[in-house]
Amino acid sequence: MDDERQRIVRVAGSRRAKLTRVEGTTSEPHTKDEPSVPPSGERGPNDERMLREVPPHY
C-alpha cells in the first residue's frame, strides 16, 4: 500500500519540496476550454460586468 502513495522529496537549496510521480498521471496542467457562462435566461443584473472584470493579480 505504501508503494502507491506519493512521497515528499526535499530539494537541496530550494524552499519547496517535490512530490514523486503517481502512475497514470501527467505533469501538464489542466486547462479549461471555455469559461462557464450560465444560459442567458439565468443571468443577473451584474453578471456582464463581473465576467469582464479580472482580479488585479492577473
Protein backbone atom coordinates (compact mmCIF):
# COMPACT_ATOMS: atom_id res chain seq x y z
CA MET A 1 0.00 0.00 0.00
CA ASP A 2 2.82 2.44 0.76
CA ASP A 3 4.29 1.97 -2.73
CA GLU A 4 1.19 3.57 -4.30
CA ARG A 5 1.39 6.80 -2.31
CA GLN A 6 3.29 9.91 -3.29
CA ARG A 7 6.47 10.70 -1.39
CA ILE A 8 7.74 14.12 -0.40
CA VAL A 9 11.26 14.73 -1.70
CA ARG A 10 13.31 17.54 -0.23
CA VAL A 11 15.25 19.54 -2.83
CA ALA A 12 18.56 20.94 -1.64
CA GLY A 13 18.78 24.72 -1.97
CA SER A 14 15.05 25.09 -2.68
CA ARG A 15 12.28 26.41 -0.49
CA ARG A 16 9.77 23.93 -1.89
CA ALA A 17 9.67 20.18 -1.81
CA LYS A 18 8.62 17.96 -4.71
CA LEU A 19 6.20 15.06 -4.84
CA THR A 20 7.04 11.81 -6.56
CA ARG A 21 5.10 10.88 -9.69
CA VAL A 22 1.98 8.73 -9.48
CA GLU A 23 1.33 6.12 -12.18
CA GLY A 24 -1.37 7.18 -14.64
CA THR A 25 -0.91 10.93 -14.18
CA THR A 26 0.74 13.63 -16.29
CA SER A 27 2.56 16.81 -15.37
CA GLU A 28 0.65 19.03 -17.81
CA PRO A 29 -1.73 21.49 -16.14
CA HIS A 30 -5.46 21.10 -16.69
CA THR A 31 -6.89 23.79 -18.96
CA LYS A 32 -10.48 24.91 -19.37
CA ASP A 33 -11.82 25.03 -22.90
CA GLU A 34 -14.15 27.97 -22.33
CA PRO A 35 -15.42 29.96 -19.36
CA SER A 36 -18.61 28.68 -17.80
CA VAL A 37 -21.41 31.12 -18.59
CA PRO A 38 -24.97 30.45 -17.46
CA PRO A 39 -27.75 30.48 -20.07
CA SER A 40 -28.97 33.99 -20.90
CA GLY A 41 -32.27 33.44 -19.06
CA GLU A 42 -30.43 32.84 -15.75
CA ARG A 43 -28.26 35.96 -15.77
CA GLY A 44 -28.39 38.55 -13.03
CA PRO A 45 -28.05 42.34 -13.29
CA ASN A 46 -24.27 42.35 -12.53
CA ASP A 47 -23.19 39.24 -14.45
CA GLU A 48 -21.92 41.08 -17.54
CA ARG A 49 -19.67 43.39 -15.50
CA MET A 50 -18.37 40.54 -13.32
CA LEU A 51 -17.47 38.42 -16.36
CA ARG A 52 -15.44 41.32 -17.84
CA GLU A 53 -13.52 42.08 -14.62
CA VAL A 54 -10.18 40.44 -13.92
CA PRO A 55 -8.61 40.32 -10.44
CA PRO A 56 -5.69 42.75 -10.04
CA HIS A 57 -3.08 39.97 -9.72
CA TYR A 58 -3.80 38.62 -13.26
